[in-house]
Amino acid sequence: MKHKSLSLFVCSLLLSSCTNFFSAINFRPSPKVHEIAFSDDAPNPAYRFFYSDTLNNTYLRTLRQDYALDKLVATAASELDTIKLILGWSSAQWEHNGSNTPSKSDALTILEEAKNGSQFRCVEYGILAVASLNAVAIPACPLSIKTRDVAKVRSGAGHVVTEVYSASFNKWIFIDPQFNVMPLKNGIPLNAVEFQQAIYNKEALTLVNNDGLVDDDVAKSYLKWIGKYLYFFDITFDQRVGEEKKLQTFEGKTKLMLVPASAENPTTFQRSSKINYCIYTHSLADFYRKPSN
């Protein structure tokens, strides 16, 4: 949506003169984008991920029917068009509010409260986009991304986006439903790690959504802003949506975190919150697996 993109651009201009000051006192993250690399180790066969049954899930059926998602995506000419339609629809449901949380963290509750005027965080955009993509039978999961200085700063060390598994491209791809953007390189959608490496290497990128190309100035602002967050990446082992379930974990941990090969495992978020819920890996093959039930 234009208003969200313009807001991001304006805010970046207003805050640019303050960035170095807040970084120097470890209040806000450093804007620097660092080179990162990962191992090519084979995936650990003990790790299991759990995905929604998109055919028989009554919660997803309710979401699809009550919010006319079938009608929304009926005009899509491709899987990528379907993803962009859901991306734009999810982005348009409320204005961002980084301090507000819903009474329950599920898509139907979030949408109902948004209809009554509530506004939510990046987290809720991710929850909605994942559930809506699942409702039209496309696997997706929230992706938490964190800065290199996640343990040192007091604020702004994390962001939540969405990764979607594209059968057409046979890969996971990055979308940001808060800002209604999808990155492409040479016309190919990127996953979060590919996106980071392209930003670091200053490769030519385009940002798109269902309206077409994102305005060039807005795209530059977003790329300058998002790069610092693409350092640590984590996803849940249990990615099922709307099912009565016992949360599946691995060795008591709910998430798998992808850590650059040269980095230490982060154990603290913004100086005060313990990161005690993750299994850590340096392996891309561990992190990016083809979804399977």
C-alpha atoms as a PDB file:
ATOM      1  CA  MET A   1       0.000   0.000   0.000  1.00  0.00           C
ATOM      2  CA  LYS A   2       1.281   3.466  -0.900  1.00  0.00           C
ATOM      3  CA  HIS A   3       0.628   5.036   2.495  1.00  0.00           C
ATOM      4  CA  LYS A   4       2.703   2.393   4.287  1.00  0.00           C
ATOM      5  CA  SER A   5       5.576   2.682   1.838  1.00  0.00           C
ATOM      6  CA  LEU A   6       5.575   6.471   1.998  1.00  0.00           C
ATOM      7  CA  SER A   7       5.503   6.370   5.798  1.00  0.00           C
ATOM      8  CA  LEU A   8       8.574   4.129   5.797  1.00  0.00           C
ATOM      9  CA  PHE A   9      10.376   6.463   3.405  1.00  0.00           C
ATOM     10  CA  VAL A  10       9.549   9.609   5.392  1.00  0.00           C
ATOM     11  CA  CYS A  11      10.531   8.002   8.690  1.00  0.00           C
ATOM     12  CA  SER A  12      13.864   6.896   7.260  1.00  0.00           C
ATOM     13  CA  LEU A  13      14.630  10.456   6.229  1.00  0.00           C
ATOM     14  CA  LEU A  14      13.697  11.863   9.628  1.00  0.00           C
ATOM     15  CA  LEU A  15      15.702   9.282  11.540  1.00  0.00           C
ATOM     16  CA  SER A  16      18.784   9.070   9.331  1.00  0.00           C
ATOM     17  CA  SER A  17      20.606  11.864  11.178  1.00  0.00           C
ATOM     18  CA  CYS A  18      19.992  10.118  14.524  1.00  0.00           C
ATOM     19  CA  THR A  19      20.995   6.603  13.481  1.00  0.00           C
ATOM     20  CA  ASN A  20      24.711   6.860  14.245  1.00  0.00           C
ATOM     21  CA  PHE A  21      24.037   8.436  17.644  1.00  0.00           C
ATOM     22  CA  PHE A  22      21.579   5.748  18.777  1.00  0.00           C
ATOM     23  CA  SER A  23      23.849   3.003  17.409  1.00  0.00           C
ATOM     24  CA  ALA A  24      26.834   4.432  19.272  1.00  0.00           C
ATOM     25  CA  ILE A  25      25.046   4.193  22.609  1.00  0.00           C
ATOM     26  CA  ASN A  26      23.706   0.713  21.793  1.00  0.00           C
ATOM     27  CA  PHE A  27      20.121   1.855  21.967  1.00  0.00           C
ATOM     28  CA  ARG A  28      19.211   0.993  18.366  1.00  0.00           C
ATOM     29  CA  PRO A  29      20.908  -1.525  16.048  1.00  0.00           C
ATOM     30  CA  SER A  30      23.782  -0.590  13.817  1.00  0.00           C
ATOM     31  CA  PRO A  31      22.629  -0.118  10.199  1.00  0.00           C
ATOM     32  CA  LYS A  32      25.718  -1.897   8.859  1.00  0.00           C
ATOM     33  CA  VAL A  33      25.115  -4.998   6.728  1.00  0.00           C
ATOM     34  CA  HIS A  34      27.687  -7.732   7.336  1.00  0.00           C
ATOM     35  CA  GLU A  35      28.872 -10.536   5.113  1.00  0.00           C
ATOM     36  CA  ILE A  36      27.408 -13.855   6.249  1.00  0.00           C
ATOM     37  CA  ALA A  37      28.044 -17.438   5.193  1.00  0.00           C
ATOM     38  CA  PHE A  38      26.665 -20.812   6.230  1.00  0.00           C
ATOM     39  CA  SER A  39      27.756 -24.420   6.092  1.00  0.00           C
ATOM     40  CA  ASP A  40      26.791 -26.894   3.385  1.00  0.00           C
ATOM     41  CA  ASP A  41      26.351 -29.708   5.910  1.00  0.00           C
ATOM     42  CA  ALA A  42      23.661 -32.264   5.179  1.00  0.00           C
ATOM     43  CA  PRO A  43      20.372 -31.742   7.023  1.00  0.00           C
ATOM     44  CA  ASN A  44      20.004 -33.306  10.431  1.00  0.00           C
ATOM     45  CA  PRO A  45      17.455 -36.114   9.917  1.00  0.00           C
ATOM     46  CA  ALA A  46      16.309 -35.807  13.533  1.00  0.00           C
ATOM     47  CA  TYR A  47      14.752 -32.382  12.930  1.00  0.00           C
ATOM     48  CA  ARG A  48      11.060 -32.564  12.039  1.00  0.00           C
ATOM     49  CA  PHE A  49       8.794 -29.754  10.878  1.00  0.00           C
ATOM     50  CA  PHE A  50       5.008 -29.946  11.078  1.00  0.00           C
ATOM     51  CA  TYR A  51       2.805 -28.241   8.472  1.00  0.00           C
ATOM     52  CA  SER A  52      -0.902 -27.520   8.232  1.00  0.00           C
ATOM     53  CA  ASP A  53      -3.307 -29.947   6.618  1.00  0.00           C
ATOM     54  CA  THR A  54      -4.621 -27.356   4.178  1.00  0.00           C
ATOM     55  CA  LEU A  55      -7.382 -29.624   2.821  1.00  0.00           C
ATOM     56  CA  ASN A  56      -9.117 -30.731   6.005  1.00  0.00           C
ATOM     57  CA  ASN A  57      -8.439 -27.878   8.419  1.00  0.00           C
ATOM     58  CA  THR A  58     -11.767 -26.356   9.497  1.00  0.00           C
ATOM     59  CA  TYR A  59     -10.085 -23.217  10.843  1.00  0.00           C
ATOM     60  CA  LEU A  60      -8.442 -22.502   7.498  1.00  0.00           C
ATOM     61  CA  ARG A  61     -11.716 -23.277   5.708  1.00  0.00           C
ATOM     62  CA  THR A  62     -13.497 -20.721   7.892  1.00  0.00           C
ATOM     63  CA  LEU A  63     -10.819 -18.117   7.171  1.00  0.00           C
ATOM     64  CA  ARG A  64     -11.018 -18.811   3.444  1.00  0.00           C
ATOM     65  CA  GLN A  65     -14.824 -18.643   3.345  1.00  0.00           C
ATOM     66  CA  ASP A  66     -15.464 -15.771   5.764  1.00  0.00           C
ATOM     67  CA  TYR A  67     -12.919 -13.527   4.062  1.00  0.00           C
ATOM     68  CA  ALA A  68     -13.557 -14.653   0.467  1.00  0.00           C
ATOM     69  CA  LEU A  69      -9.971 -15.686  -0.146  1.00  0.00           C
ATOM     70  CA  ASP A  70     -10.966 -17.985  -3.011  1.00  0.00           C
ATOM     71  CA  LYS A  71     -12.542 -15.005  -4.752  1.00  0.00           C
ATOM     72  CA  LEU A  72      -9.492 -12.862  -3.990  1.00  0.00           C
ATOM     73  CA  VAL A  73      -7.092 -15.245  -5.716  1.00  0.00           C
ATOM     74  CA  ALA A  74      -9.446 -16.375  -8.498  1.00  0.00           C
ATOM     75  CA  THR A  75      -7.872 -13.932 -10.956  1.00  0.00           C
ATOM     76  CA  ALA A  76      -4.299 -15.077 -10.267  1.00  0.00           C
ATOM     77  CA  ALA A  77      -2.546 -16.336 -13.378  1.00  0.00           C
ATOM     78  CA  SER A  78       0.221 -18.081 -11.434  1.00  0.00           C
ATOM     79  CA  GLU A  79       1.244 -19.249  -7.998  1.00  0.00           C
ATOM     80  CA  LEU A  80       3.416 -16.146  -7.626  1.00  0.00           C
ATOM     81  CA  ASP A  81       0.416 -13.942  -8.438  1.00  0.00           C
ATOM     82  CA  THR A  82      -1.567 -15.763  -5.737  1.00  0.00           C
ATOM     83  CA  ILE A  83       1.186 -15.096  -3.200  1.00  0.00           C
ATOM     84  CA  LYS A  84       1.286 -11.405  -4.127  1.00  0.00           C
ATOM     85  CA  LEU A  85      -2.498 -11.107  -3.832  1.00  0.00           C
ATOM     86  CA  ILE A  86      -2.444 -12.602  -0.329  1.00  0.00           C
ATOM     87  CA  LEU A  87       0.557 -10.424   0.540  1.00  0.00           C
ATOM     88  CA  GLY A  88      -1.242  -7.233  -0.471  1.00  0.00           C
ATOM     89  CA  TRP A  89      -4.508  -8.233   1.184  1.00  0.00           C
ATOM     90  CA  SER A  90      -2.767  -9.069   4.469  1.00  0.00           C
ATOM     91  CA  SER A  91      -0.862  -5.790   4.388  1.00  0.00           C
ATOM     92  CA  ALA A  92      -4.044  -3.755   3.918  1.00  0.00           C
ATOM     93  CA  GLN A  93      -6.028  -5.020   6.923  1.00  0.00           C
ATOM     94  CA  TRP A  94      -4.772  -2.423   9.439  1.00  0.00           C
ATOM     95  CA  GLU A  95      -2.150   0.267  10.016  1.00  0.00           C
ATOM     96  CA  HIS A  96       0.995  -0.816  11.838  1.00  0.00           C
ATOM     97  CA  ASN A  97       1.200  -0.281  15.594  1.00  0.00           C
ATOM     98  CA  GLY A  98       4.363  -1.656  17.152  1.00  0.00           C
ATOM     99  CA  SER A  99       2.976  -1.592  20.694  1.00  0.00           C
ATOM    100  CA  ASN A 100      -0.407  -3.294  20.386  1.00  0.00           C
ATOM    101  CA  THR A 101      -1.147  -7.016  20.629  1.00  0.00           C
ATOM    102  CA  PRO A 102      -4.381  -8.942  19.983  1.00  0.00           C
ATOM    103  CA  SER A 103      -6.305 -10.784  22.659  1.00  0.00           C
ATOM    104  CA  LYS A 104      -5.361 -14.062  20.923  1.00  0.00           C
ATOM    105  CA  SER A 105      -2.567 -14.643  18.444  1.00  0.00           C
ATOM    106  CA  ASP A 106      -4.524 -16.195  15.604  1.00  0.00           C
ATOM    107  CA  ALA A 107      -5.634 -14.818  12.244  1.00  0.00           C
ATOM    108  CA  LEU A 108      -9.406 -14.832  12.845  1.00  0.00           C
ATOM    109  CA  THR A 109      -9.077 -13.009  16.177  1.00  0.00           C
ATOM    110  CA  ILE A 110      -6.647 -10.508  14.666  1.00  0.00           C
ATOM    111  CA  LEU A 111      -8.980  -9.794  11.729  1.00  0.00           C
ATOM    112  CA  GLU A 112     -12.026  -9.395  13.976  1.00  0.00           C
ATOM    113  CA  GLU A 113     -10.217  -6.950  16.228  1.00  0.00           C
ATOM    114  CA  ALA A 114      -8.783  -5.100  13.223  1.00  0.00           C
ATOM    115  CA  LYS A 115     -12.335  -4.617  11.899  1.00  0.00           C
ATOM    116  CA  ASN A 116     -13.082  -2.867  15.194  1.00  0.00           C
ATOM    117  CA  GLY A 117     -10.168  -0.491  14.739  1.00  0.00           C
ATOM    118  CA  SER A 118      -7.262  -2.285  16.392  1.00  0.00           C
ATOM    119  CA  GLN A 119      -3.789  -2.017  14.881  1.00  0.00           C
ATOM    120  CA  PHE A 120      -0.976  -4.504  15.343  1.00  0.00           C
ATOM    121  CA  ARG A 121       2.713  -5.314  14.985  1.00  0.00           C
ATOM    122  CA  CYS A 122       4.843  -7.023  12.342  1.00  0.00           C
ATOM    123  CA  VAL A 123       4.194 -10.245  14.264  1.00  0.00           C
ATOM    124  CA  GLU A 124       0.465 -10.106  13.498  1.00  0.00           C
ATOM    125  CA  TYR A 125       1.034  -9.338   9.820  1.00  0.00           C
ATOM    126  CA  GLY A 126       3.101 -12.511   9.698  1.00  0.00           C
ATOM    127  CA  ILE A 127       0.457 -14.584  11.470  1.00  0.00           C
ATOM    128  CA  LEU A 128      -2.242 -13.367   9.085  1.00  0.00           C
ATOM    129  CA  ALA A 129      -0.208 -13.874   5.917  1.00  0.00           C
ATOM    130  CA  VAL A 130       0.807 -17.402   6.940  1.00  0.00           C
ATOM    131  CA  ALA A 131      -2.740 -18.475   7.789  1.00  0.00           C
ATOM    132  CA  SER A 132      -4.148 -16.909   4.613  1.00  0.00           C
ATOM    133  CA  LEU A 133      -1.552 -18.578   2.403  1.00  0.00           C
ATOM    134  CA  ASN A 134      -2.207 -21.893   4.143  1.00  0.00           C
ATOM    135  CA  ALA A 135      -5.937 -21.348   3.563  1.00  0.00           C
ATOM    136  CA  VAL A 136      -5.321 -21.318  -0.207  1.00  0.00           C
ATOM    137  CA  ALA A 137      -3.063 -24.390   0.096  1.00  0.00           C
ATOM    138  CA  ILE A 138       0.329 -22.669  -0.041  1.00  0.00           C
ATOM    139  CA  PRO A 139       2.808 -23.587   2.732  1.00  0.00           C
ATOM    140  CA  ALA A 140       4.174 -20.613   4.669  1.00  0.00           C
ATOM    141  CA  CYS A 141       5.681 -19.818   8.056  1.00  0.00           C
ATOM    142  CA  PRO A 142       6.538 -16.740  10.104  1.00  0.00           C
ATOM    143  CA  LEU A 143      10.241 -15.914   9.952  1.00  0.00           C
ATOM    144  CA  SER A 144      11.804 -14.012  12.823  1.00  0.00           C
ATOM    145  CA  ILE A 145      14.876 -12.037  11.793  1.00  0.00           C
ATOM    146  CA  LYS A 146      17.358 -10.433  14.164  1.00  0.00           C
ATOM    147  CA  THR A 147      20.271  -8.045  13.982  1.00  0.00           C
ATOM    148  CA  ARG A 148      23.900  -8.953  14.583  1.00  0.00           C
ATOM    149  CA  ASP A 149      23.884  -6.840  17.768  1.00  0.00           C
ATOM    150  CA  VAL A 150      20.655  -8.401  19.056  1.00  0.00           C
ATOM    151  CA  ALA A 151      22.087  -8.932  22.552  1.00  0.00           C
ATOM    152  CA  LYS A 152      23.563  -5.444  22.961  1.00  0.00           C
ATOM    153  CA  VAL A 153      20.846  -3.024  21.923  1.00  0.00           C
ATOM    154  CA  ARG A 154      17.802  -1.988  23.914  1.00  0.00           C
ATOM    155  CA  SER A 155      15.310  -1.680  21.072  1.00  0.00           C
ATOM    156  CA  GLY A 156      14.615  -2.519  17.445  1.00  0.00           C
ATOM    157  CA  ALA A 157      16.672  -5.725  17.226  1.00  0.00           C
ATOM    158  CA  GLY A 158      14.013  -7.884  15.586  1.00  0.00           C
ATOM    159  CA  HIS A 159      11.411  -7.970  12.849  1.00  0.00           C
ATOM    160  CA  VAL A 160       8.959 -10.637  11.693  1.00  0.00           C
ATOM    161  CA  VAL A 161       8.317 -11.432   8.032  1.00  0.00           C
ATOM    162  CA  THR A 162       6.987 -14.461   6.181  1.00  0.00           C
ATOM    163  CA  GLU A 163       8.562 -17.138   4.048  1.00  0.00           C
ATOM    164  CA  VAL A 164       6.444 -19.007   1.534  1.00  0.00           C
ATOM    165  CA  TYR A 165       7.232 -22.279  -0.179  1.00  0.00           C
ATOM    166  CA  SER A 166       6.822 -21.869  -3.922  1.00  0.00           C
ATOM    167  CA  ALA A 167       6.277 -25.136  -5.769  1.00  0.00           C
ATOM    168  CA  SER A 168       6.771 -23.261  -9.050  1.00  0.00           C
ATOM    169  CA  PHE A 169      10.270 -22.134  -8.088  1.00  0.00           C
ATOM    170  CA  ASN A 170      10.963 -25.135  -5.819  1.00  0.00           C
ATOM    171  CA  LYS A 171      12.201 -22.898  -3.023  1.00  0.00           C
ATOM    172  CA  TRP A 172      11.239 -20.781  -0.036  1.00  0.00           C
ATOM    173  CA  ILE A 173      10.720 -17.094  -0.801  1.00  0.00           C
ATOM    174  CA  PHE A 174      10.702 -13.969   1.374  1.00  0.00           C
ATOM    175  CA  ILE A 175       7.750 -11.588   1.676  1.00  0.00           C
ATOM    176  CA  ASP A 176       7.187  -8.751   4.142  1.00  0.00           C
ATOM    177  CA  PRO A 177       3.448  -8.327   4.731  1.00  0.00           C
ATOM    178  CA  GLN A 178       3.915  -5.295   6.978  1.00  0.00           C
ATOM    179  CA  PHE A 179       5.370  -3.358   4.057  1.00  0.00           C
ATOM    180  CA  ASN A 180       3.766  -5.299   1.170  1.00  0.00           C
ATOM    181  CA  VAL A 181       7.025  -6.182  -0.572  1.00  0.00           C
ATOM    182  CA  MET A 182       8.596  -9.197  -2.257  1.00  0.00           C
ATOM    183  CA  PRO A 183      12.246  -9.014  -3.420  1.00  0.00           C
ATOM    184  CA  LEU A 184      13.326 -10.302  -6.835  1.00  0.00           C
ATOM    185  CA  LYS A 185      16.721 -10.673  -8.474  1.00  0.00           C
ATOM    186  CA  ASN A 186      16.667 -11.115 -12.247  1.00  0.00           C
ATOM    187  CA  GLY A 187      12.952 -11.801 -11.931  1.00  0.00           C
ATOM    188  CA  ILE A 188      13.436 -14.653  -9.439  1.00  0.00           C
ATOM    189  CA  PRO A 189      12.027 -14.367  -5.878  1.00  0.00           C
ATOM    190  CA  LEU A 190      14.593 -14.739  -3.098  1.00  0.00           C
ATOM    191  CA  ASN A 191      14.634 -16.393   0.282  1.00  0.00           C
ATOM    192  CA  ALA A 192      15.822 -14.357   3.275  1.00  0.00           C
ATOM    193  CA  VAL A 193      19.453 -15.500   3.067  1.00  0.00           C
ATOM    194  CA  GLU A 194      19.638 -14.842  -0.671  1.00  0.00           C
ATOM    195  CA  PHE A 195      18.061 -11.447  -0.062  1.00  0.00           C
ATOM    196  CA  GLN A 196      20.689 -10.569   2.544  1.00  0.00           C
ATOM    197  CA  GLN A 197      23.555 -11.639   0.343  1.00  0.00           C
ATOM    198  CA  ALA A 198      22.212  -9.632  -2.586  1.00  0.00           C
ATOM    199  CA  ILE A 199      21.914  -6.527  -0.385  1.00  0.00           C
ATOM    200  CA  TYR A 200      25.441  -7.011   0.985  1.00  0.00           C
ATOM    201  CA  ASN A 201      26.876  -7.476  -2.518  1.00  0.00           C
ATOM    202  CA  LYS A 202      24.933  -4.447  -3.811  1.00  0.00           C
ATOM    203  CA  GLU A 203      23.302  -6.518  -6.524  1.00  0.00           C
ATOM    204  CA  ALA A 204      20.432  -5.155  -8.576  1.00  0.00           C
ATOM    205  CA  LEU A 205      17.140  -5.952  -6.859  1.00  0.00           C
ATOM    206  CA  THR A 206      13.527  -5.087  -7.514  1.00  0.00           C
ATOM    207  CA  LEU A 207      10.742  -4.996  -4.954  1.00  0.00           C
ATOM    208  CA  VAL A 208       7.284  -5.949  -6.154  1.00  0.00           C
ATOM    209  CA  ASN A 209       3.757  -6.470  -4.919  1.00  0.00           C
ATOM    210  CA  ASN A 210       0.425  -7.074  -6.590  1.00  0.00           C
ATOM    211  CA  ASP A 211       0.358  -3.483  -7.856  1.00  0.00           C
ATOM    212  CA  GLY A 212       3.635  -3.999  -9.730  1.00  0.00           C
ATOM    213  CA  LEU A 213       7.011  -2.445  -8.987  1.00  0.00           C
ATOM    214  CA  VAL A 214       7.441  -0.650  -5.686  1.00  0.00           C
ATOM    215  CA  ASP A 215       8.339   3.032  -6.124  1.00  0.00           C
ATOM    216  CA  ASP A 216      12.118   3.369  -6.565  1.00  0.00           C
ATOM    217  CA  ASP A 217      12.686   5.791  -3.655  1.00  0.00           C
ATOM    218  CA  VAL A 218      10.561   3.656  -1.346  1.00  0.00           C
ATOM    219  CA  ALA A 219      12.384   0.503  -2.457  1.00  0.00           C
ATOM    220  CA  LYS A 220      15.769   2.090  -1.725  1.00  0.00           C
ATOM    221  CA  SER A 221      14.559   3.128   1.720  1.00  0.00           C
ATOM    222  CA  TYR A 222      13.277  -0.356   2.513  1.00  0.00           C
ATOM    223  CA  LEU A 223      16.470  -2.045   1.321  1.00  0.00           C
ATOM    224  CA  LYS A 224      18.534   0.299   3.481  1.00  0.00           C
ATOM    225  CA  TRP A 225      16.320  -0.469   6.476  1.00  0.00           C
ATOM    226  CA  ILE A 226      15.840  -4.245   6.200  1.00  0.00           C
ATOM    227  CA  GLY A 227      19.452  -5.300   5.628  1.00  0.00           C
ATOM    228  CA  LYS A 228      20.567  -5.086   9.254  1.00  0.00           C
ATOM    229  CA  TYR A 229      17.819  -7.518  10.331  1.00  0.00           C
ATOM    230  CA  LEU A 230      18.945 -10.268   7.971  1.00  0.00           C
ATOM    231  CA  TYR A 231      21.592 -11.819  10.203  1.00  0.00           C
ATOM    232  CA  PHE A 232      19.963 -14.376  12.528  1.00  0.00           C
ATOM    233  CA  PHE A 233      16.887 -16.263  11.263  1.00  0.00           C
ATOM    234  CA  ASP A 234      14.497 -18.514  13.171  1.00  0.00           C
ATOM    235  CA  ILE A 235      11.398 -20.569  12.411  1.00  0.00           C
ATOM    236  CA  THR A 236       9.178 -22.861  14.472  1.00  0.00           C
ATOM    237  CA  PHE A 237       9.330 -26.621  14.245  1.00  0.00           C
ATOM    238  CA  ASP A 238       5.530 -26.764  14.523  1.00  0.00           C
ATOM    239  CA  GLN A 239       4.088 -24.545  11.782  1.00  0.00           C
ATOM    240  CA  ARG A 240       0.503 -25.817  11.896  1.00  0.00           C
ATOM    241  CA  VAL A 241      -2.257 -23.215  11.925  1.00  0.00           C
ATOM    242  CA  GLY A 242      -5.629 -23.437  13.650  1.00  0.00           C
ATOM    243  CA  GLU A 243      -5.441 -27.072  14.682  1.00  0.00           C
ATOM    244  CA  GLU A 244      -6.097 -28.546  18.085  1.00  0.00           C
ATOM    245  CA  LYS A 245      -2.658 -29.844  18.785  1.00  0.00           C
ATOM    246  CA  LYS A 246       0.103 -30.500  21.219  1.00  0.00           C
ATOM    247  CA  LEU A 247       2.942 -28.171  20.237  1.00  0.00           C
ATOM    248  CA  GLN A 248       5.705 -30.250  18.690  1.00  0.00           C
ATOM    249  CA  THR A 249       9.237 -29.411  19.801  1.00  0.00           C
ATOM    250  CA  PHE A 250      12.746 -30.794  19.413  1.00  0.00           C
ATOM    251  CA  GLU A 251      14.590 -31.506  22.653  1.00  0.00           C
ATOM    252  CA  GLY A 252      12.148 -29.151  24.341  1.00  0.00           C
ATOM    253  CA  LYS A 253      12.900 -26.266  21.959  1.00  0.00           C
ATOM    254  CA  THR A 254      10.226 -24.675  19.784  1.00  0.00           C
ATOM    255  CA  LYS A 255      12.425 -23.065  17.120  1.00  0.00           C
ATOM    256  CA  LEU A 256      15.376 -23.652  14.834  1.00  0.00           C
ATOM    257  CA  MET A 257      17.729 -20.683  14.447  1.00  0.00           C
ATOM    258  CA  LEU A 258      20.057 -20.288  11.485  1.00  0.00           C
ATOM    259  CA  VAL A 259      23.303 -18.686  12.655  1.00  0.00           C
ATOM    260  CA  PRO A 260      26.150 -17.498  10.382  1.00  0.00           C
ATOM    261  CA  ALA A 261      29.117 -19.857  10.513  1.00  0.00           C
ATOM    262  CA  SER A 262      31.393 -17.212  12.040  1.00  0.00           C
ATOM    263  CA  ALA A 263      28.918 -16.019  14.679  1.00  0.00           C
ATOM    264  CA  GLU A 264      28.225 -17.113  18.238  1.00  0.00           C
ATOM    265  CA  ASN A 265      24.763 -18.366  19.112  1.00  0.00           C
ATOM    266  CA  PRO A 266      22.733 -15.456  20.479  1.00  0.00           C
ATOM    267  CA  THR A 267      21.250 -16.166  23.898  1.00  0.00           C
ATOM    268  CA  THR A 268      19.808 -12.753  24.800  1.00  0.00           C
ATOM    269  CA  PHE A 269      17.342 -10.474  23.033  1.00  0.00           C
ATOM    270  CA  GLN A 270      17.672  -6.732  23.632  1.00  0.00           C
ATOM    271  CA  ARG A 271      19.710  -7.154  26.834  1.00  0.00           C
ATOM    272  CA  SER A 272      16.904  -8.593  28.938  1.00  0.00           C
ATOM    273  CA  SER A 273      14.989 -11.459  27.274  1.00  0.00           C
ATOM    274  CA  LYS A 274      16.526 -14.911  27.218  1.00  0.00           C
ATOM    275  CA  ILE A 275      16.686 -16.744  23.900  1.00  0.00           C
ATOM    276  CA  ASN A 276      16.218 -20.168  25.431  1.00  0.00           C
ATOM    277  CA  TYR A 277      13.782 -21.625  22.912  1.00  0.00           C
ATOM    278  CA  CYS A 278      16.098 -22.390  19.978  1.00  0.00           C
ATOM    279  CA  ILE A 279      18.118 -25.198  18.526  1.00  0.00           C
ATOM    280  CA  TYR A 280      20.999 -23.607  16.604  1.00  0.00           C
ATOM    281  CA  THR A 281      22.365 -24.578  13.204  1.00  0.00           C
ATOM    282  CA  HIS A 282      24.820 -23.209  10.641  1.00  0.00           C
ATOM    283  CA  SER A 283      23.391 -25.414   7.891  1.00  0.00           C
ATOM    284  CA  LEU A 284      21.205 -23.983   5.128  1.00  0.00           C
ATOM    285  CA  ALA A 285      20.036 -27.518   4.395  1.00  0.00           C
ATOM    286  CA  ASP A 286      18.698 -27.789   7.951  1.00  0.00           C
ATOM    287  CA  PHE A 287      16.810 -24.540   7.647  1.00  0.00           C
ATOM    288  CA  TYR A 288      15.462 -24.626   4.103  1.00  0.00           C
ATOM    289  CA  ARG A 289      13.664 -27.922   3.620  1.00  0.00           C
ATOM    290  CA  LYS A 290      10.900 -28.759   1.230  1.00  0.00           C
ATOM    291  CA  PRO A 291       7.719 -28.949   3.319  1.00  0.00           C
ATOM    292  CA  SER A 292       6.238 -32.385   3.769  1.00  0.00           C
ATOM    293  CA  ASN A 293       3.523 -33.850   5.950  1.00  0.00           C
END
